[in-house]
Protein backbone atom coordinates (compact mmCIF):
# COMPACT_ATOMS: atom_id res chain seq x y z
CA MET A 1 105.98 125.14 108.09
CA PRO A 2 102.68 125.98 110.38
CA ASN A 3 101.25 122.94 109.71
CA VAL A 4 103.96 120.57 110.49
CA ARG A 5 104.80 119.48 114.35
CA TRP A 6 108.45 118.78 115.60
CA SER A 7 109.14 116.96 118.53
CA HIS A 8 112.17 115.04 120.04
CA PRO A 9 110.83 111.96 121.60
CA TYR A 10 114.46 110.50 121.90
CA ARG A 11 115.47 112.94 124.10
CA SER A 12 112.70 111.62 126.92
CA LEU A 13 115.56 109.14 127.29
CA PRO A 14 118.71 109.44 129.88
CA GLU A 15 121.12 111.33 128.05
CA GLU A 16 124.39 109.69 128.20
CA ARG A 17 123.44 106.54 128.74
CA PHE A 18 121.37 105.95 125.35
CA TRP A 19 122.05 108.91 123.60
CA HIS A 20 124.95 112.52 122.77
CA SER A 21 124.17 115.54 122.25
CA VAL A 22 126.33 116.32 119.20
CA VAL A 23 127.43 119.55 116.70
CA PRO A 24 127.51 118.26 113.43
CA THR A 25 130.59 119.60 111.28
CA PRO A 26 130.44 121.38 108.42
CA LEU A 27 130.97 120.23 104.63
CA GLU A 28 133.14 122.32 102.55
CA ASN A 29 131.58 124.93 100.10
CA PRO A 30 128.49 122.73 100.02
CA ARG A 31 126.30 122.73 97.14
CA TRP A 32 122.72 121.31 96.30
CA VAL A 33 122.37 117.75 94.20
CA ASP A 34 118.50 117.35 95.14
CA TRP A 35 115.80 118.07 96.35
CA ASN A 36 113.19 114.96 96.48
CA PRO A 37 109.80 117.22 95.93
CA SER A 38 107.84 114.10 96.16
CA VAL A 39 109.27 113.61 99.89
CA SER A 40 108.98 117.43 100.99
CA ARG A 41 105.33 117.00 99.98
CA LEU A 42 104.93 114.31 102.28
CA LEU A 43 106.66 115.54 105.26
CA GLY A 44 104.72 119.28 104.59
CA VAL A 45 108.46 121.08 104.45
CA ASP A 46 108.15 122.28 100.50
CA GLU A 47 109.24 125.45 101.45
CA LEU A 48 113.01 124.09 103.12
CA ALA A 49 113.68 123.95 99.73
CA THR A 50 114.26 127.78 99.14
CA ARG A 51 114.85 128.66 102.79
CA ALA A 52 117.66 130.85 103.55
CA ASP A 53 119.82 128.32 106.29
CA SER A 54 118.51 125.18 104.35
CA LEU A 55 121.62 124.79 102.50
CA ALA A 56 123.85 124.77 105.38
CA ALA A 57 121.93 122.70 107.60
CA PHE A 58 121.48 120.15 105.23
CA ALA A 59 125.14 120.00 104.79
CA ALA A 60 125.88 119.71 108.66
CA GLY A 61 126.61 123.29 109.33
CA THR A 62 124.05 125.45 111.82
CA PRO A 63 121.07 122.90 112.43
CA LEU A 64 117.84 124.73 111.68
CA PRO A 65 116.01 125.75 114.66
CA GLU A 66 113.27 123.09 114.77
CA TRP A 67 116.24 120.10 114.75
CA GLN A 68 118.14 119.17 118.08
CA PRO A 69 120.93 116.67 116.85
CA LEU A 70 121.76 113.64 118.65
CA ALA A 71 123.53 110.54 118.56
CA GLN A 72 122.01 106.75 119.41
CA VAL A 73 123.68 104.18 121.26
CA TYR A 74 123.18 100.97 120.14
CA SER A 75 125.53 97.47 119.09
CA GLY A 76 124.77 94.95 117.24
CA HIS A 77 125.90 91.10 116.19
CA GLN A 78 127.63 92.18 112.10
CA PHE A 79 127.80 88.69 110.20
CA GLY A 80 127.02 86.54 112.87
CA GLN A 81 129.62 87.77 115.50
CA TRP A 82 129.06 89.66 118.42
CA ALA A 83 130.30 93.13 117.67
CA GLY A 84 129.63 95.40 120.83
CA GLN A 85 128.94 98.79 121.19
CA LEU A 86 128.06 100.43 117.96
CA GLY A 87 125.76 102.92 117.69
CA ASP A 88 125.42 106.61 115.23
CA GLY A 89 129.05 106.95 113.93
CA ARG A 90 128.45 109.55 110.86
CA GLY A 91 124.88 110.49 111.45
CA LEU A 92 122.58 112.41 113.48
CA TYR A 93 119.12 112.01 114.71
CA LEU A 94 117.33 115.17 114.61
CA GLY A 95 113.65 114.79 115.73
CA GLN A 96 110.58 113.56 114.59
CA THR A 97 107.74 115.77 112.38
CA THR A 98 104.08 114.75 112.18
CA TYR A 99 102.27 116.18 108.99
CA ASN A 100 98.61 115.11 108.45
CA GLY A 101 98.76 112.67 111.04
CA ASP A 102 101.95 111.02 109.76
CA CYS A 103 105.02 110.90 111.57
CA ARG A 104 108.61 111.01 110.51
CA GLU A 105 112.29 110.49 111.78
CA TRP A 106 114.78 112.90 110.63
CA HIS A 107 118.04 111.48 110.17
CA LEU A 108 121.17 113.56 108.93
CA LYS A 109 124.13 110.99 107.57
CA GLY A 110 127.44 112.70 106.86
CA ALA A 111 127.76 115.10 109.94
CA GLY A 112 130.48 114.85 111.06
CA MET A 113 132.33 112.73 114.44
CA THR A 114 130.22 111.29 117.02
CA PRO A 115 130.96 109.64 120.48
CA TYR A 116 130.08 106.68 118.66
CA SER A 117 132.04 107.03 115.61
CA ARG A 118 135.04 104.57 117.21
CA MET A 119 138.39 104.87 114.43
CA GLY A 120 135.53 106.26 112.02
CA ASP A 121 135.60 110.09 110.54
CA GLY A 122 132.21 110.54 111.15
CA ARG A 123 131.74 111.63 107.19
CA ALA A 124 129.55 110.14 104.11
CA VAL A 125 130.82 109.91 100.30
CA LEU A 126 129.30 111.37 97.18
CA ARG A 127 128.99 107.56 95.73
CA SER A 128 127.50 106.36 98.76
CA SER A 129 125.09 109.20 99.10
CA ILE A 130 123.81 108.48 95.21
CA ARG A 131 123.13 105.34 95.71
CA GLU A 132 121.10 105.35 98.94
CA TYR A 133 119.10 108.97 97.83
CA LEU A 134 117.69 107.30 94.49
CA VAL A 135 117.46 103.40 95.62
CA GLY A 136 114.74 104.85 98.82
CA ASP A 137 112.44 106.13 96.46
CA TYR A 138 113.40 103.38 93.73
CA MET A 139 112.38 100.74 96.78
CA HIS A 140 109.24 102.65 97.61
CA ALA A 141 108.22 102.97 93.90
CA LEU A 142 108.39 99.07 94.27
CA GLY A 143 106.01 99.39 97.18
CA VAL A 144 109.08 98.16 99.00
CA PRO A 145 108.69 99.47 102.80
CA THR A 146 111.61 101.77 103.36
CA THR A 147 113.79 105.02 104.33
CA ARG A 148 114.00 107.05 102.07
CA ALA A 149 115.62 111.00 101.58
CA LEU A 150 115.14 114.56 101.27
CA ALA A 151 118.19 115.89 100.34
CA LEU A 152 121.29 115.14 99.04
CA VAL A 153 124.48 117.66 99.36
CA GLU A 154 127.87 117.74 97.70
CA SER A 155 131.26 118.95 98.79
CA ASP A 156 134.75 119.61 98.47
CA THR A 157 135.21 118.67 102.04
CA PRO A 158 137.73 115.21 100.71
CA VAL A 159 136.99 111.72 102.29
CA ARG A 160 138.92 108.75 102.79
CA ARG A 161 137.59 105.32 101.24
CA GLU A 162 139.41 103.08 99.04
CA SER A 163 140.27 106.37 97.28
CA TRP A 164 140.20 110.10 97.51
CA GLU A 165 136.59 110.96 97.27
CA ARG A 166 133.75 113.81 97.93
CA GLY A 167 132.61 114.36 101.23
CA ALA A 168 128.49 114.54 101.33
CA THR A 169 125.53 114.74 103.63
CA LEU A 170 121.96 112.90 102.96
CA CYS A 171 118.86 113.68 105.22
CA ARG A 172 116.91 110.10 105.35
CA ILE A 173 113.51 109.94 106.36
CA ALA A 174 112.25 107.30 108.27
CA HIS A 175 108.87 105.51 110.55
CA SER A 176 111.68 104.91 112.88
CA HIS A 177 115.26 104.68 113.15
CA LEU A 178 115.61 102.00 116.33
CA ARG A 179 117.17 98.87 115.18
CA ILE A 180 117.17 94.89 116.79
CA GLY A 181 120.67 96.36 118.51
CA HIS A 182 119.18 99.38 120.43
CA LEU A 183 118.16 96.63 123.00
CA GLU A 184 120.68 94.66 122.26
CA HIS A 185 123.45 97.19 123.66
CA PHE A 186 121.44 96.73 126.75
CA TYR A 187 120.46 92.59 127.07
CA TYR A 188 124.29 92.39 126.74
CA ARG A 189 125.66 94.60 129.43
CA ASN A 190 122.82 93.38 131.46
CA GLU A 191 121.47 96.46 131.84
CA HIS A 192 118.06 95.03 132.26
CA ASP A 193 116.54 98.34 133.94
CA ALA A 194 117.74 100.02 130.84
CA LEU A 195 116.70 97.15 128.65
CA ARG A 196 113.05 97.72 129.74
CA THR A 197 113.04 101.42 128.89
CA MET A 198 113.69 101.04 125.59
CA LEU A 199 111.68 98.46 124.75
CA GLU A 200 108.44 100.74 126.53
CA PHE A 201 110.13 103.06 124.34
CA SER A 202 110.39 101.33 121.43
CA ILE A 203 106.93 99.77 121.86
CA ASN A 204 105.54 103.55 122.58
CA GLN A 205 106.78 104.69 119.27
CA LEU A 206 105.71 102.11 116.96
CA ASP A 207 102.90 99.82 118.80
CA SER A 208 101.23 101.95 121.05
CA ASP A 209 97.69 100.46 120.66
CA LEU A 210 99.49 97.44 122.43
CA PRO A 211 97.72 96.90 125.50
CA GLU A 212 99.63 98.22 128.96
CA ASP A 213 99.79 94.75 130.67
CA SER A 214 102.18 91.52 131.23
CA THR A 215 101.40 90.38 127.27
CA ARG A 216 102.99 93.61 125.80
CA PRO A 217 106.27 92.80 124.90
CA LEU A 218 105.42 89.02 123.54
CA LEU A 219 102.92 91.09 121.55
CA PHE A 220 104.76 93.33 120.83
CA PHE A 221 107.51 90.63 119.74
CA GLU A 222 105.02 89.40 116.87
CA ARG A 223 104.27 92.39 115.25
CA VAL A 224 108.20 93.02 114.51
CA LEU A 225 107.65 89.46 113.47
CA GLU A 226 105.56 90.37 111.03
CA ARG A 227 106.79 93.44 110.00
CA SER A 228 110.18 91.55 109.36
CA ALA A 229 108.37 88.48 107.09
CA ALA A 230 106.92 90.55 104.78
CA LEU A 231 109.97 92.37 104.20
CA VAL A 232 112.14 90.15 103.50
CA ALA A 233 109.36 87.98 101.49
CA ALA A 234 108.88 91.55 100.06
CA TRP A 235 113.24 91.92 98.93
CA MET A 236 113.31 88.37 97.59
CA ALA A 237 110.17 89.04 95.35
CA VAL A 238 111.82 92.14 93.73
CA GLY A 239 115.37 90.33 93.16
CA PHE A 240 116.79 92.82 96.40
CA VAL A 241 119.56 92.35 97.85
CA HIS A 242 120.83 94.05 101.09
CA GLY A 243 124.22 92.69 101.65
CA VAL A 244 124.73 93.38 105.53
CA MET A 245 121.77 92.16 107.36
CA ASN A 246 123.38 92.94 110.57
CA THR A 247 121.25 93.74 113.68
CA ASP A 248 122.30 96.68 114.31
CA ASN A 249 120.97 97.19 110.22
CA THR A 250 117.75 95.76 110.95
CA ALA A 251 114.46 98.32 111.73
CA LEU A 252 112.11 97.33 114.48
CA SER A 253 109.76 98.90 112.11
CA GLY A 254 109.96 96.70 108.96
CA GLU A 255 111.49 99.31 106.99
CA THR A 256 115.03 98.47 104.53
CA LEU A 257 117.24 100.32 106.67
CA ASP A 258 121.22 101.45 106.11
CA TYR A 259 121.78 100.99 102.45
CA GLY A 260 125.65 99.96 101.72
CA PRO A 261 126.79 97.30 99.61
CA TYR A 262 122.85 96.93 98.01
CA GLY A 263 122.07 95.93 94.46
CA PHE A 264 119.32 93.69 92.29
CA ILE A 265 120.05 90.18 91.16
CA SER A 266 120.45 90.51 87.61
CA HIS A 267 119.81 86.03 86.35
CA TRP A 268 117.72 84.94 88.80
CA ASP A 269 120.76 83.16 91.45
CA PRO A 270 119.68 82.60 94.85
CA GLU A 271 123.66 82.07 95.93
CA PHE A 272 123.91 86.12 94.19
CA VAL A 273 126.50 87.56 96.82
CA ILE A 274 127.40 91.16 96.60
CA ASN A 275 128.75 92.33 99.51
CA HIS A 276 132.92 91.49 98.72
CA THR A 277 133.38 91.40 102.28
CA ASP A 278 130.94 88.42 102.89
CA HIS A 279 133.53 85.79 101.98
CA THR A 280 131.14 82.86 103.46
CA GLY A 281 128.08 83.97 101.15
CA ARG A 282 126.05 84.47 105.04
CA TYR A 283 124.01 87.27 103.12
CA ALA A 284 123.62 86.20 99.66
CA TYR A 285 120.37 86.53 98.47
CA GLY A 286 118.54 83.36 98.92
CA GLN A 287 119.95 83.40 102.43
CA GLN A 288 118.21 86.54 103.12
CA PRO A 289 114.71 84.40 104.95
CA SER A 290 117.17 82.17 107.19
CA VAL A 291 119.17 85.64 107.95
CA MET A 292 116.06 87.45 108.94
CA TYR A 293 114.94 84.31 111.31
CA TRP A 294 118.47 84.52 112.80
CA ASN A 295 118.02 88.12 113.14
CA MET A 296 114.48 87.41 114.89
CA ALA A 297 115.91 84.85 117.90
CA ARG A 298 118.88 87.45 118.31
CA LEU A 299 115.71 90.18 118.97
CA ALA A 300 114.22 87.02 121.08
CA GLU A 301 116.62 86.98 123.36
CA THR A 302 116.66 90.64 124.91
CA LEU A 303 113.12 89.64 125.82
CA THR A 304 113.69 86.76 127.85
CA PRO A 305 113.72 89.38 130.75
CA PHE A 306 110.20 89.77 130.11
CA VAL A 307 109.20 86.67 128.55
CA GLU A 308 108.42 83.34 129.31
CA ILE A 309 111.24 81.26 126.44
CA ASP A 310 108.33 78.54 125.36
CA ASP A 311 106.25 81.51 124.41
CA LEU A 312 109.32 83.42 122.47
CA LYS A 313 110.18 79.82 121.02
CA ALA A 314 106.60 79.25 119.89
CA LEU A 315 106.40 82.48 118.10
CA LEU A 316 109.42 82.30 116.43
CA ASP A 317 109.43 78.57 114.84
CA GLY A 318 106.49 80.20 113.49
CA PHE A 319 108.69 82.60 111.08
CA PRO A 320 109.10 79.90 107.96
CA ALA A 321 105.59 79.94 107.82
CA ARG A 322 104.97 83.47 108.26
CA TYR A 323 107.68 83.99 105.39
CA ARG A 324 105.97 81.59 102.94
CA SER A 325 102.45 83.29 103.30
CA ALA A 326 104.05 87.03 102.68
CA TYR A 327 106.50 85.75 99.46
CA GLY A 328 103.22 84.01 97.97
CA ALA A 329 101.24 86.97 98.67
CA GLU A 330 103.60 89.09 97.54
CA MET A 331 104.32 87.49 94.17
CA ALA A 332 100.23 86.81 93.47
CA ALA A 333 100.28 90.57 93.79
CA ARG A 334 102.71 91.36 91.68
CA LEU A 335 101.86 89.02 88.95
CA ALA A 336 97.51 89.71 89.86
CA VAL A 337 97.17 86.14 90.74
CA ASP A 338 94.67 85.23 93.96
CA PRO A 339 96.89 84.36 96.05
CA SER A 340 95.61 81.39 97.11
CA HIS A 341 95.99 79.68 93.23
CA PRO A 342 97.00 76.56 92.73
CA ASP A 343 99.09 76.72 90.30
CA LEU A 344 100.76 79.75 92.14
CA ASP A 345 103.78 78.08 93.22
CA ALA A 346 104.51 76.02 90.29
CA TRP A 347 104.29 79.37 87.87
CA VAL A 348 106.87 80.90 90.24
CA SER A 349 109.24 78.20 89.72
CA ASP A 350 109.29 77.84 86.53
CA ALA A 351 109.29 81.82 86.10
CA GLN A 352 112.85 81.50 88.13
CA THR A 353 113.82 78.78 85.58
CA LEU A 354 113.22 81.13 82.82
CA PHE A 355 114.27 83.86 84.16
CA GLY A 356 118.09 82.44 85.63
CA GLN A 357 119.66 81.89 81.93
CA ALA A 358 122.32 84.20 81.16
CA GLY A 359 120.99 87.65 79.56
CA ARG A 360 117.61 87.45 81.25
CA TYR A 361 117.38 90.12 84.32
CA TYR A 362 114.66 88.80 86.63
CA PRO A 363 113.44 91.96 88.03
CA GLU A 364 111.72 92.41 84.45
CA LEU A 365 109.95 89.12 84.92
CA PHE A 366 106.63 91.06 86.31
CA TYR A 367 106.81 93.82 83.35
CA TRP A 368 106.45 90.77 81.12
CA ALA A 369 104.28 88.42 82.29
CA LEU A 370 101.94 91.49 83.06
CA HIS A 371 102.24 93.06 79.08
CA ASP A 372 102.98 89.63 77.24
CA GLN A 373 105.76 91.87 75.30
CA GLU A 374 109.20 92.58 74.76
CA VAL A 375 111.18 94.26 77.57
CA PHE A 376 114.20 96.48 78.00
CA LEU A 377 116.53 93.59 78.88
CA SER A 378 115.96 90.49 78.89
CA SER A 379 116.48 88.93 75.49
CA MET A 380 113.48 86.32 75.13
CA THR A 381 112.57 84.22 72.26
CA PRO A 382 109.65 84.60 70.71
CA SER A 383 110.27 80.44 69.95
CA ASP A 384 111.35 79.76 73.50
CA PRO A 385 108.49 76.70 74.70
CA LEU A 386 108.95 77.65 78.76
CA ALA A 387 108.22 81.68 77.73
CA ARG A 388 105.41 80.49 75.64
CA ASP A 389 103.78 77.83 78.10
CA LEU A 390 104.54 80.30 81.31
CA HIS A 391 102.23 83.34 79.30
CA GLN A 392 99.65 81.07 78.89
CA ARG A 393 99.64 79.72 81.63
CA TRP A 394 99.13 83.02 82.99
CA GLN A 395 96.52 84.07 80.99
CA SER A 396 94.23 82.21 82.57
CA MET A 397 95.47 82.61 86.06
CA HIS A 398 95.49 86.24 86.19
CA GLU A 399 92.55 88.70 87.59
CA SER A 400 91.39 92.01 85.28
CA LYS A 401 90.95 93.06 88.76
CA ARG A 402 94.59 92.85 89.89
CA LEU A 403 95.92 94.42 87.52
CA GLU A 404 96.24 97.77 87.16
CA THR A 405 98.41 97.67 91.18
CA ALA A 406 100.28 95.22 90.22
CA ARG A 407 101.47 96.92 86.52
CA GLU A 408 102.40 99.99 88.68
CA ARG A 409 104.72 98.51 90.81
CA ALA A 410 106.34 96.75 87.52
CA PRO A 411 109.69 98.35 86.94
CA ALA A 412 110.11 98.95 82.96
CA TRP A 413 113.87 99.55 84.11
CA MET A 414 116.30 98.37 86.89
CA LEU A 415 118.14 100.46 89.62
CA SER A 416 120.91 98.26 88.05
CA HIS A 417 125.02 98.67 89.57
CA TRP A 418 125.98 99.54 86.30
CA LEU A 419 122.78 102.24 85.98
CA LEU A 420 124.27 103.98 88.98
CA ASP A 421 128.19 103.54 87.91
CA ALA A 422 127.18 105.38 85.21
CA LEU A 423 125.29 108.44 86.67
CA ILE A 424 127.88 108.52 89.23
CA THR A 425 130.23 108.61 87.22
CA ARG A 426 128.60 111.75 85.16
CA VAL A 427 127.91 113.58 88.77
CA GLU A 428 131.70 112.82 89.72
CA GLN A 429 132.48 115.14 86.36
CA GLY A 430 129.76 117.45 87.09
CA GLU A 431 126.79 116.37 85.81
CA THR A 432 124.06 116.66 88.61
CA GLU A 433 121.47 116.73 86.96
CA TRP A 434 121.54 113.24 85.89
CA VAL A 435 120.38 112.21 89.83
CA SER A 436 117.15 114.85 89.32
CA ALA A 437 116.78 113.01 86.13
CA ILE A 438 116.66 109.15 87.78
CA ARG A 439 114.66 110.37 90.44
CA GLY A 440 112.16 112.54 88.32
CA ALA A 441 112.02 108.91 86.25
CA ILE A 442 111.00 107.30 89.42
CA GLU A 443 108.46 109.68 90.72
CA GLN A 444 107.44 109.59 86.84
CA GLY A 445 106.29 106.21 87.85
CA ILE A 446 109.05 102.50 87.29
CA SER A 447 106.03 101.00 85.12
CA THR A 448 107.54 103.53 82.12
CA GLN A 449 110.22 103.54 80.47
CA SER A 450 112.56 105.87 81.02
CA ASP A 451 115.42 108.27 78.20
CA ALA A 452 117.93 108.59 81.24
CA ALA A 453 117.41 104.48 82.95
CA SER A 454 117.97 103.93 79.33
CA GLU A 455 121.09 106.03 78.40
CA LEU A 456 122.45 105.71 81.52
CA GLY A 457 121.19 101.52 81.99
CA GLY A 458 120.72 100.30 78.59
CA HIS A 459 124.31 98.53 78.71
CA PRO A 460 124.75 96.17 80.62
CA PRO A 461 128.13 94.17 81.06
CA ALA A 462 128.53 90.87 80.10
CA PRO A 463 126.35 88.19 82.04
CA THR A 464 129.78 86.33 83.20
CA GLU A 465 131.12 89.50 84.31
CA ALA A 466 131.95 89.15 88.17
CA PHE A 467 130.47 92.17 90.21
CA HIS A 468 130.58 93.14 94.29
CA LEU A 469 130.38 95.97 96.22
CA SER A 470 132.18 97.05 99.79
CA CYS A 471 130.39 98.11 103.17
CA SER A 472 131.44 101.63 101.87
CA SER A 473 128.51 101.21 99.07
């Protein structure tokens, strides 16, 4: 990898207080499930796909010479309650690459126990690893900021979740794995010297262009606010439900991080809850903007030793307006409409009503609008007056110059829970090629119909059938 520069900036922080070195625990009889060529090209590491020492390394065996595995400590609020110390309990930070000026962090999930595993086994299972491997690419294709994955490995290592499952590893790639919980950890321990160190490290990693003066922490907070408002606006636009928006799962970089019980809504339903442990509906689809606001308030708390509270509050109070602006811009871009169009809000509201009916699948809204033709799953009656009216109004609202970009991000098929369930069943029976088939369909373009997606996801369950996932998903 002659043009790839490896570095390990996290090791500049004091060991044991911020991180621990960890020797990975290898999987038994590992096999490749898939290698992601688009991520490989992004990183400039194509040669790793055939290197003799790669499989063992990606299966948590002997690390590649370029890697220096460590586990990070952080804390967090989970379901609105302070959970105390958490940390990398089943994943290892491997280092950072720079290629063509682009810096990315590498993280190996399922690599065994760490000092932060608590009562966990440090492992990942094949089922959840497949879900995360594919959704990273799908969200990227949708234009949503996200982590992605380079490689997926299965094994014969037994792992206990709700039942016995096969162990797996996933190599996750991100601009940064820093979370709100990294700052909360030292704030709640009243260790303001370490908090300042963590804050400066975060700024240098994410926003190094900020001035080196007393305004730096407040300006950083504003950057995180902006990124986070844009992220949750993108989630809401495409119908994505994260499922567990704890502060330890909220990235300072504005990337979608830690895919557990995620999914996409079927019909438009702000009250949809996908996480079966979320008994109060805290992380329902429609609650995500307010939860992100709450998470930003927790971040603001960690900055109070360095920034005036009134200054933080003034920025925090502006988050709802930032979100509304970002959401309007997202919907406009996806509909090829000028974001200042006076009829945009009313059109979106009526479209949500249309796609709030059983048998309609909200993620197909954009393909339906932009192509004026029958969509894959949604049952659209030609005589439906609201549908006809929406199309006529959209025809007068959209701008041709915006169409190409909008159509590229309008999915012709959903990465639905039933598609993933069917795929996982086949992979568990030995048909691992289905992972490559769906990943390839995503790379080909989600605005293009896919035979693999049609076979796996073409028969949705009844609209009245309940669907929930656990955090082990």
